[in-house]
Amino acid sequence: MKILFIGGTGLLSSACSDLAVERGHELFLLNRSVSTKYPAPNDATILQADIYADTAHLSSLLAGHHFDAVVDFIAFSPYDIERDIALFRGKTDQFVFISSASAYQKPVQNYLITEETPLENPYWEYSRNKIACEEALMNAHHADGFPVTIVRPSHTWGLHKFQVSGHGSTRGL
């Protein structure tokens, strides 16, 4: 598979990058820097650009590419998602958005969280932005079939940092 990770060198995404290369996928990383805390795998192709800056440069980097999957690990606002939809419409078979389980309804109405649990979190702007991103993606999917998958991790960790409690990074290793 030909896969593009937007990011790819963060805590969660670096482990995914390593695994994708290990499994023989052709991995591209859209990343603004080649020197990061978690280095890119040697076999990954780096498309160096700041996704928040120059869309003309991004378009030229992506010209001629079609990806089986694009995974956005760093989108946090509806603007980010609108940009992604414009950049990747017709350039991917599947767009994967890494959202957050914090988007689920707060206060919790039921101990059991399912796909039918409403998305509503009045307490955290991060969560409200992730919800707005999901809504924009689903609107694009319903309007013209934009191929989207939404993932809502509740905890993230990688090869360099492990989750040992539910009290944030100050309690980790």
N, C-alpha and C. Protein backbone atom coordinates (compact mmCIF):
# COMPACT_ATOMS: atom_id res chain seq x y z
N MET A 1 0.83 -1.18 0.00
CA MET A 1 0.00 0.00 0.00
C MET A 1 0.88 1.25 0.00
N LYS A 2 0.39 2.29 -0.63
CA LYS A 2 1.04 3.59 -0.62
C LYS A 2 0.27 4.46 0.37
N ILE A 3 0.96 4.85 1.47
CA ILE A 3 0.31 5.53 2.58
C ILE A 3 1.01 6.86 2.84
N LEU A 4 0.22 7.89 3.13
CA LEU A 4 0.75 9.18 3.54
C LEU A 4 0.30 9.46 4.96
N PHE A 5 1.26 9.76 5.84
CA PHE A 5 0.96 10.22 7.18
C PHE A 5 1.23 11.71 7.23
N ILE A 6 0.26 12.48 7.68
CA ILE A 6 0.48 13.89 7.94
C ILE A 6 0.95 13.95 9.38
N GLY A 7 2.19 14.30 9.56
CA GLY A 7 2.88 14.16 10.83
C GLY A 7 3.82 12.98 10.68
N GLY A 8 3.60 11.96 11.46
CA GLY A 8 4.37 10.73 11.30
C GLY A 8 5.58 10.61 12.20
N THR A 9 5.92 11.68 12.94
CA THR A 9 7.07 11.61 13.83
C THR A 9 6.72 12.03 15.26
N GLY A 10 5.45 12.00 15.59
CA GLY A 10 5.01 12.29 16.95
C GLY A 10 4.98 11.02 17.77
N LEU A 11 4.51 11.13 18.99
CA LEU A 11 4.51 9.98 19.89
C LEU A 11 3.72 8.81 19.32
N LEU A 12 2.47 9.03 18.98
CA LEU A 12 1.62 7.97 18.43
C LEU A 12 2.02 7.63 16.99
N SER A 13 2.20 8.65 16.18
CA SER A 13 2.42 8.42 14.75
C SER A 13 3.78 7.79 14.45
N SER A 14 4.79 8.03 15.29
CA SER A 14 6.10 7.42 15.03
C SER A 14 6.03 5.90 15.14
N ALA A 15 5.26 5.40 16.11
CA ALA A 15 5.09 3.96 16.23
C ALA A 15 4.33 3.40 15.01
N CYS A 16 3.34 4.16 14.54
CA CYS A 16 2.60 3.75 13.34
C CYS A 16 3.50 3.77 12.11
N SER A 17 4.37 4.78 12.02
CA SER A 17 5.31 4.87 10.89
C SER A 17 6.24 3.66 10.88
N ASP A 18 6.80 3.34 12.03
CA ASP A 18 7.70 2.19 12.12
C ASP A 18 6.99 0.91 11.69
N LEU A 19 5.76 0.73 12.15
CA LEU A 19 5.01 -0.48 11.83
C LEU A 19 4.66 -0.54 10.34
N ALA A 20 4.27 0.58 9.75
CA ALA A 20 3.93 0.60 8.32
C ALA A 20 5.13 0.19 7.47
N VAL A 21 6.30 0.72 7.78
CA VAL A 21 7.51 0.36 7.03
C VAL A 21 7.87 -1.10 7.27
N GLU A 22 7.78 -1.53 8.53
CA GLU A 22 8.09 -2.92 8.88
C GLU A 22 7.21 -3.89 8.09
N ARG A 23 5.96 -3.49 7.85
CA ARG A 23 5.03 -4.37 7.13
C ARG A 23 5.13 -4.22 5.61
N GLY A 24 6.09 -3.43 5.14
CA GLY A 24 6.36 -3.35 3.72
C GLY A 24 5.55 -2.33 2.95
N HIS A 25 4.87 -1.42 3.63
CA HIS A 25 4.11 -0.39 2.95
C HIS A 25 5.03 0.71 2.44
N GLU A 26 4.65 1.34 1.37
CA GLU A 26 5.37 2.49 0.84
C GLU A 26 4.86 3.71 1.61
N LEU A 27 5.68 4.21 2.53
CA LEU A 27 5.25 5.25 3.45
C LEU A 27 5.83 6.60 3.08
N PHE A 28 4.95 7.59 3.00
CA PHE A 28 5.32 8.99 2.81
C PHE A 28 4.93 9.74 4.08
N LEU A 29 5.80 10.64 4.52
CA LEU A 29 5.49 11.47 5.68
C LEU A 29 5.49 12.92 5.23
N LEU A 30 4.37 13.59 5.41
CA LEU A 30 4.28 15.03 5.17
C LEU A 30 4.62 15.69 6.50
N ASN A 31 5.81 16.29 6.54
CA ASN A 31 6.35 16.74 7.80
C ASN A 31 7.16 18.00 7.56
N ARG A 32 7.14 18.92 8.50
CA ARG A 32 7.84 20.19 8.28
C ARG A 32 9.32 20.14 8.63
N SER A 33 9.77 19.07 9.30
CA SER A 33 11.16 19.04 9.71
C SER A 33 11.72 17.63 9.61
N VAL A 34 12.97 17.53 9.22
CA VAL A 34 13.61 16.22 9.18
C VAL A 34 14.26 15.89 10.53
N SER A 35 14.44 16.87 11.39
CA SER A 35 14.99 16.60 12.72
C SER A 35 13.87 16.72 13.74
N THR A 36 13.45 15.60 14.26
CA THR A 36 12.34 15.56 15.20
C THR A 36 12.72 14.72 16.41
N LYS A 37 11.91 14.77 17.44
CA LYS A 37 12.15 13.99 18.65
C LYS A 37 12.13 12.50 18.35
N TYR A 38 11.21 12.09 17.49
CA TYR A 38 11.09 10.69 17.11
C TYR A 38 11.40 10.61 15.62
N PRO A 39 12.58 10.14 15.24
CA PRO A 39 12.98 10.19 13.82
C PRO A 39 12.12 9.30 12.93
N ALA A 40 12.02 9.72 11.68
CA ALA A 40 11.27 8.96 10.68
C ALA A 40 12.04 7.68 10.34
N PRO A 41 11.33 6.62 9.98
CA PRO A 41 12.02 5.40 9.54
C PRO A 41 12.85 5.68 8.29
N ASN A 42 13.97 5.00 8.17
CA ASN A 42 14.86 5.21 7.03
C ASN A 42 14.18 4.98 5.69
N ASP A 43 13.25 4.04 5.63
CA ASP A 43 12.61 3.70 4.36
C ASP A 43 11.41 4.57 4.02
N ALA A 44 11.09 5.53 4.86
CA ALA A 44 9.98 6.45 4.57
C ALA A 44 10.47 7.57 3.67
N THR A 45 9.58 8.04 2.81
CA THR A 45 9.87 9.19 1.95
C THR A 45 9.32 10.43 2.64
N ILE A 46 10.17 11.41 2.86
CA ILE A 46 9.76 12.64 3.52
C ILE A 46 9.34 13.67 2.47
N LEU A 47 8.13 14.18 2.61
CA LEU A 47 7.68 15.32 1.82
C LEU A 47 7.74 16.51 2.79
N GLN A 48 8.80 17.28 2.70
CA GLN A 48 9.03 18.33 3.69
C GLN A 48 8.25 19.58 3.33
N ALA A 49 7.32 19.93 4.22
CA ALA A 49 6.50 21.12 4.06
C ALA A 49 5.77 21.38 5.36
N ASP A 50 5.39 22.61 5.56
CA ASP A 50 4.56 22.99 6.70
C ASP A 50 3.12 23.01 6.20
N ILE A 51 2.33 22.04 6.62
CA ILE A 51 0.96 21.92 6.13
C ILE A 51 0.11 23.13 6.50
N TYR A 52 0.54 23.90 7.50
CA TYR A 52 -0.22 25.07 7.92
C TYR A 52 0.14 26.32 7.12
N ALA A 53 1.16 26.22 6.26
CA ALA A 53 1.68 27.43 5.63
C ALA A 53 1.26 27.59 4.17
N ASP A 54 1.91 26.90 3.28
CA ASP A 54 1.83 27.19 1.84
C ASP A 54 1.10 26.08 1.09
N THR A 55 -0.18 26.29 0.81
CA THR A 55 -0.95 25.25 0.11
C THR A 55 -0.48 25.07 -1.34
N ALA A 56 0.07 26.10 -1.96
CA ALA A 56 0.59 25.95 -3.33
C ALA A 56 1.78 24.98 -3.32
N HIS A 57 2.67 25.13 -2.34
CA HIS A 57 3.81 24.21 -2.21
C HIS A 57 3.33 22.79 -1.93
N LEU A 58 2.33 22.67 -1.05
CA LEU A 58 1.77 21.35 -0.76
C LEU A 58 1.19 20.71 -2.01
N SER A 59 0.45 21.47 -2.76
CA SER A 59 -0.15 20.94 -3.99
C SER A 59 0.92 20.46 -4.96
N SER A 60 2.02 21.20 -5.06
CA SER A 60 3.09 20.77 -5.97
C SER A 60 3.78 19.51 -5.46
N LEU A 61 3.95 19.38 -4.14
CA LEU A 61 4.55 18.17 -3.58
C LEU A 61 3.67 16.94 -3.82
N LEU A 62 2.36 17.15 -3.77
CA LEU A 62 1.42 16.03 -3.90
C LEU A 62 1.05 15.72 -5.35
N ALA A 63 1.43 16.61 -6.27
CA ALA A 63 1.09 16.41 -7.69
C ALA A 63 1.60 15.05 -8.17
N GLY A 64 0.75 14.34 -8.86
CA GLY A 64 1.13 13.04 -9.41
C GLY A 64 1.03 11.89 -8.43
N HIS A 65 0.71 12.17 -7.18
CA HIS A 65 0.58 11.10 -6.19
C HIS A 65 -0.89 10.74 -5.99
N HIS A 66 -1.13 9.47 -5.80
CA HIS A 66 -2.41 8.96 -5.33
C HIS A 66 -2.08 7.97 -4.22
N PHE A 67 -2.75 8.11 -3.09
CA PHE A 67 -2.44 7.28 -1.93
C PHE A 67 -3.60 6.33 -1.64
N ASP A 68 -3.25 5.11 -1.26
CA ASP A 68 -4.29 4.18 -0.82
C ASP A 68 -4.93 4.71 0.46
N ALA A 69 -4.12 5.33 1.31
CA ALA A 69 -4.64 5.91 2.55
C ALA A 69 -3.83 7.13 2.93
N VAL A 70 -4.53 8.13 3.46
CA VAL A 70 -3.92 9.32 4.06
C VAL A 70 -4.40 9.36 5.50
N VAL A 71 -3.46 9.51 6.44
CA VAL A 71 -3.81 9.56 7.85
C VAL A 71 -3.35 10.91 8.40
N ASP A 72 -4.28 11.69 8.93
CA ASP A 72 -3.94 12.98 9.51
C ASP A 72 -3.91 12.86 11.03
N PHE A 73 -2.70 12.92 11.58
CA PHE A 73 -2.50 12.83 13.03
C PHE A 73 -2.53 14.20 13.70
N ILE A 74 -2.51 15.30 12.92
CA ILE A 74 -2.27 16.61 13.54
C ILE A 74 -3.39 17.63 13.34
N ALA A 75 -4.46 17.29 12.64
CA ALA A 75 -5.55 18.25 12.41
C ALA A 75 -6.31 18.49 13.71
N PHE A 76 -6.49 19.77 14.04
CA PHE A 76 -7.18 20.12 15.29
C PHE A 76 -8.31 21.10 15.09
N SER A 77 -8.51 21.59 13.87
CA SER A 77 -9.55 22.60 13.67
C SER A 77 -10.30 22.31 12.38
N PRO A 78 -11.51 22.84 12.26
CA PRO A 78 -12.26 22.67 11.01
C PRO A 78 -11.48 23.22 9.80
N TYR A 79 -10.72 24.30 10.02
CA TYR A 79 -9.89 24.83 8.92
C TYR A 79 -8.91 23.77 8.42
N ASP A 80 -8.27 23.05 9.34
CA ASP A 80 -7.33 21.99 8.96
C ASP A 80 -8.02 20.94 8.09
N ILE A 81 -9.24 20.58 8.48
CA ILE A 81 -9.96 19.53 7.75
C ILE A 81 -10.43 20.04 6.39
N GLU A 82 -10.89 21.26 6.31
CA GLU A 82 -11.29 21.82 5.00
C GLU A 82 -10.09 21.83 4.05
N ARG A 83 -8.92 22.18 4.58
CA ARG A 83 -7.69 22.13 3.78
C ARG A 83 -7.41 20.70 3.32
N ASP A 84 -7.54 19.74 4.23
CA ASP A 84 -7.28 18.34 3.89
C ASP A 84 -8.24 17.84 2.82
N ILE A 85 -9.50 18.17 2.96
CA ILE A 85 -10.49 17.74 1.97
C ILE A 85 -10.13 18.29 0.60
N ALA A 86 -9.76 19.57 0.55
CA ALA A 86 -9.38 20.19 -0.73
C ALA A 86 -8.11 19.54 -1.30
N LEU A 87 -7.13 19.26 -0.44
CA LEU A 87 -5.87 18.68 -0.91
C LEU A 87 -6.01 17.23 -1.37
N PHE A 88 -6.84 16.46 -0.68
CA PHE A 88 -6.84 15.02 -0.91
C PHE A 88 -8.08 14.48 -1.63
N ARG A 89 -9.01 15.33 -1.97
CA ARG A 89 -10.16 14.88 -2.75
C ARG A 89 -9.63 14.34 -4.08
N GLY A 90 -9.93 13.10 -4.38
CA GLY A 90 -9.47 12.46 -5.61
C GLY A 90 -8.03 11.97 -5.56
N LYS A 91 -7.35 12.14 -4.42
CA LYS A 91 -5.96 11.70 -4.29
C LYS A 91 -5.77 10.55 -3.30
N THR A 92 -6.88 10.07 -2.71
CA THR A 92 -6.76 8.96 -1.76
C THR A 92 -8.01 8.08 -1.83
N ASP A 93 -7.79 6.81 -1.53
CA ASP A 93 -8.91 5.88 -1.45
C ASP A 93 -9.54 5.89 -0.06
N GLN A 94 -8.78 6.36 0.95
CA GLN A 94 -9.30 6.42 2.31
C GLN A 94 -8.56 7.50 3.09
N PHE A 95 -9.32 8.41 3.68
CA PHE A 95 -8.76 9.45 4.52
C PHE A 95 -9.09 9.10 5.96
N VAL A 96 -8.07 8.98 6.81
CA VAL A 96 -8.25 8.60 8.20
C VAL A 96 -7.94 9.81 9.08
N PHE A 97 -8.92 10.20 9.88
CA PHE A 97 -8.77 11.32 10.79
C PHE A 97 -8.62 10.80 12.21
N ILE A 98 -7.52 11.20 12.87
CA ILE A 98 -7.33 10.82 14.26
C ILE A 98 -8.01 11.88 15.12
N SER A 99 -9.14 11.51 15.67
CA SER A 99 -9.93 12.39 16.52
C SER A 99 -9.57 12.11 17.98
N SER A 100 -10.54 12.08 18.85
CA SER A 100 -10.29 11.84 20.27
C SER A 100 -11.56 11.32 20.94
N ALA A 101 -11.39 10.39 21.85
CA ALA A 101 -12.53 9.90 22.63
C ALA A 101 -13.07 10.99 23.55
N SER A 102 -12.30 12.06 23.73
CA SER A 102 -12.80 13.18 24.55
C SER A 102 -13.97 13.89 23.88
N ALA A 103 -14.21 13.57 22.61
CA ALA A 103 -15.34 14.16 21.90
C ALA A 103 -16.68 13.58 22.36
N TYR A 104 -16.65 12.41 22.97
CA TYR A 104 -17.90 11.80 23.43
C TYR A 104 -18.55 12.64 24.53
N GLN A 105 -19.83 12.48 24.65
CA GLN A 105 -20.69 13.28 25.53
C GLN A 105 -20.15 13.39 26.96
N LYS A 106 -20.11 14.63 27.41
CA LYS A 106 -19.76 14.96 28.79
C LYS A 106 -20.84 15.90 29.31
N PRO A 107 -21.33 15.74 30.51
CA PRO A 107 -21.03 14.63 31.39
C PRO A 107 -21.58 13.32 30.83
N VAL A 108 -20.92 12.25 31.18
CA VAL A 108 -21.28 10.93 30.69
C VAL A 108 -22.69 10.57 31.17
N GLN A 109 -23.53 10.12 30.25
CA GLN A 109 -24.90 9.71 30.59
C GLN A 109 -25.02 8.21 30.84
N ASN A 110 -24.04 7.45 30.33
CA ASN A 110 -24.06 6.01 30.46
C ASN A 110 -22.61 5.54 30.55
N TYR A 111 -22.33 4.58 31.39
CA TYR A 111 -20.97 4.08 31.53
C TYR A 111 -20.46 3.43 30.24
N LEU A 112 -21.37 2.98 29.40
CA LEU A 112 -21.00 2.30 28.17
C LEU A 112 -20.94 3.30 27.02
N ILE A 113 -19.77 3.46 26.44
CA ILE A 113 -19.58 4.37 25.30
C ILE A 113 -19.65 3.52 24.03
N THR A 114 -20.52 3.90 23.10
CA THR A 114 -20.66 3.19 21.84
C THR A 114 -20.60 4.20 20.69
N GLU A 115 -20.67 3.72 19.48
CA GLU A 115 -20.70 4.61 18.31
C GLU A 115 -21.92 5.54 18.33
N GLU A 116 -22.96 5.14 19.05
CA GLU A 116 -24.17 5.95 19.12
C GLU A 116 -24.11 7.01 20.22
N THR A 117 -23.09 6.97 21.06
CA THR A 117 -22.95 7.98 22.10
C THR A 117 -22.77 9.34 21.43
N PRO A 118 -23.56 10.33 21.85
CA PRO A 118 -23.46 11.65 21.20
C PRO A 118 -22.08 12.27 21.36
N LEU A 119 -21.73 13.11 20.41
CA LEU A 119 -20.49 13.87 20.47
C LEU A 119 -20.84 15.25 21.03
N GLU A 120 -20.43 15.49 22.25
CA GLU A 120 -20.75 16.76 22.90
C GLU A 120 -19.86 16.90 24.13
N ASN A 121 -18.98 17.91 24.10
CA ASN A 121 -18.13 18.15 25.25
C ASN A 121 -18.01 19.66 25.46
N PRO A 122 -18.86 20.22 26.31
CA PRO A 122 -18.85 21.67 26.53
C PRO A 122 -17.67 22.15 27.37
N TYR A 123 -16.86 21.23 27.90
CA TYR A 123 -15.82 21.59 28.85
C TYR A 123 -14.45 21.83 28.23
N TRP A 124 -14.21 21.34 27.00
CA TRP A 124 -12.86 21.39 26.47
C TRP A 124 -12.89 21.81 25.00
N GLU A 125 -12.26 22.92 24.69
CA GLU A 125 -12.25 23.43 23.32
C GLU A 125 -11.62 22.44 22.35
N TYR A 126 -10.56 21.77 22.77
CA TYR A 126 -9.92 20.74 21.95
C TYR A 126 -10.96 19.73 21.45
N SER A 127 -11.79 19.26 22.36
CA SER A 127 -12.82 18.27 22.01
C SER A 127 -13.85 18.87 21.07
N ARG A 128 -14.28 20.10 21.33
CA ARG A 128 -15.25 20.74 20.45
C ARG A 128 -14.68 20.92 19.04
N ASN A 129 -13.39 21.23 18.94
CA ASN A 129 -12.75 21.34 17.62
C ASN A 129 -12.68 19.99 16.91
N LYS A 130 -12.36 18.94 17.65
CA LYS A 130 -12.34 17.60 17.04
C LYS A 130 -13.74 17.22 16.54
N ILE A 131 -14.77 17.55 17.30
CA ILE A 131 -16.14 17.29 16.87
C ILE A 131 -16.46 18.05 15.60
N ALA A 132 -16.06 19.31 15.53
CA ALA A 132 -16.30 20.12 14.32
C ALA A 132 -15.55 19.53 13.12
N CYS A 133 -14.35 19.02 13.34
CA CYS A 133 -13.61 18.36 12.26
C CYS A 133 -14.37 17.13 11.76
N GLU A 134 -14.86 16.33 12.68
CA GLU A 134 -15.64 15.14 12.30
C GLU A 134 -16.87 15.53 11.50
N GLU A 135 -17.56 16.57 11.94
CA GLU A 135 -18.76 17.02 11.23
C GLU A 135 -18.42 17.46 9.80
N ALA A 136 -17.32 18.19 9.63
CA ALA A 136 -16.92 18.63 8.29
C ALA A 136 -16.59 17.43 7.40
N LEU A 137 -15.91 16.44 7.96
CA LEU A 137 -15.59 15.23 7.18
C LEU A 137 -16.84 14.46 6.80
N MET A 138 -17.76 14.33 7.73
CA MET A 138 -18.99 13.59 7.43
C MET A 138 -19.85 14.35 6.41
N ASN A 139 -19.85 15.68 6.48
CA ASN A 139 -20.55 16.47 5.47
C ASN A 139 -19.96 16.23 4.09
N ALA A 140 -18.64 16.19 3.99
CA ALA A 140 -17.97 15.93 2.71
C ALA A 140 -18.27 14.51 2.23
N HIS A 141 -18.32 13.58 3.15
CA HIS A 141 -18.65 12.20 2.79
C HIS A 141 -20.07 12.10 2.23
N HIS A 142 -21.02 12.73 2.91
CA HIS A 142 -22.41 12.67 2.46
C HIS A 142 -22.63 13.47 1.18
N ALA A 143 -21.92 14.58 1.03
CA ALA A 143 -22.11 15.44 -0.15
C ALA A 143 -21.54 14.82 -1.42
N ASP A 144 -20.33 14.27 -1.34
CA ASP A 144 -19.72 13.78 -2.58
C ASP A 144 -18.90 12.51 -2.40
N GLY A 145 -19.12 11.79 -1.30
CA GLY A 145 -18.47 10.50 -1.13
C GLY A 145 -17.02 10.57 -0.68
N PHE A 146 -16.58 11.70 -0.12
CA PHE A 146 -15.20 11.76 0.38
C PHE A 146 -14.98 10.57 1.31
N PRO A 147 -13.95 9.75 1.04
CA PRO A 147 -13.78 8.48 1.76
C PRO A 147 -13.13 8.68 3.12
N VAL A 148 -13.90 8.66 4.18
CA VAL A 148 -13.38 8.99 5.51
C VAL A 148 -13.58 7.88 6.52
N THR A 149 -12.58 7.73 7.37
CA THR A 149 -12.66 6.90 8.57
C THR A 149 -12.24 7.78 9.73
N ILE A 150 -12.97 7.70 10.83
CA ILE A 150 -12.66 8.50 12.01
C ILE A 150 -12.26 7.55 13.13
N VAL A 151 -11.11 7.82 13.75
CA VAL A 151 -10.60 7.02 14.86
C VAL A 151 -10.58 7.91 16.10
N ARG A 152 -11.13 7.40 17.21
CA ARG A 152 -11.19 8.18 18.45
C ARG A 152 -10.44 7.48 19.58
N PRO A 153 -9.12 7.60 19.60
CA PRO A 153 -8.38 6.95 20.69
C PRO A 153 -8.69 7.60 22.03
N SER A 154 -8.73 6.78 23.07
CA SER A 154 -8.96 7.33 24.40
C SER A 154 -7.64 7.58 25.12
N HIS A 155 -6.62 6.85 24.78
CA HIS A 155 -5.28 7.03 25.35
C HIS A 155 -4.28 6.86 24.21
N THR A 156 -3.22 7.61 24.26
CA THR A 156 -2.19 7.42 23.24
C THR A 156 -0.85 7.20 23.92
N TRP A 157 -0.08 6.33 23.32
CA TRP A 157 1.28 6.09 23.76
C TRP A 157 2.02 5.51 22.57
N GLY A 158 3.29 5.43 22.69
CA GLY A 158 4.10 4.93 21.60
C GLY A 158 5.29 4.15 22.13
N LEU A 159 6.27 3.96 21.28
CA LEU A 159 7.44 3.17 21.66
C LEU A 159 8.32 3.88 22.67
N HIS A 160 8.15 5.19 22.81
CA HIS A 160 9.04 5.99 23.64
C HIS A 160 8.38 6.45 24.94
N LYS A 161 7.10 6.23 25.08
CA LYS A 161 6.38 6.68 26.27
C LYS A 161 5.17 5.76 26.45
N PHE A 162 5.00 5.26 27.65
CA PHE A 162 3.95 4.28 27.90
C PHE A 162 2.93 4.84 28.88
N GLN A 163 1.69 4.47 28.68
CA GLN A 163 0.61 4.85 29.58
C GLN A 163 0.65 3.91 30.78
N VAL A 164 0.86 4.46 31.97
CA VAL A 164 0.85 3.62 33.16
C VAL A 164 -0.26 3.99 34.13
N SER A 165 -0.92 5.11 33.88
CA SER A 165 -2.06 5.51 34.73
C SER A 165 -2.94 6.44 33.93
N GLY A 166 -4.04 6.84 34.50
CA GLY A 166 -4.94 7.75 33.82
C GLY A 166 -4.75 9.19 34.23
N HIS A 167 -3.58 9.56 34.70
CA HIS A 167 -3.38 10.90 35.25
C HIS A 167 -2.46 11.78 34.42
N GLY A 168 -2.38 11.54 33.13
CA GLY A 168 -1.60 12.42 32.28
C GLY A 168 -0.13 12.07 32.22
N SER A 169 0.60 12.84 31.43
CA SER A 169 1.98 12.52 31.13
C SER A 169 2.90 12.69 32.34
N THR A 170 2.52 13.45 33.33
CA THR A 170 3.40 13.63 34.49
C THR A 170 3.49 12.37 35.33
N ARG A 171 2.59 11.44 35.13
CA ARG A 171 2.62 10.19 35.89
C ARG A 171 3.17 9.03 35.06
N GLY A 172 3.55 9.30 33.82
CA GLY A 172 4.08 8.24 32.96
C GLY A 172 5.55 7.99 33.19
N LEU A 173 6.12 7.12 32.41
CA LEU A 173 7.55 6.80 32.52
C LEU A 173 8.39 7.88 31.91
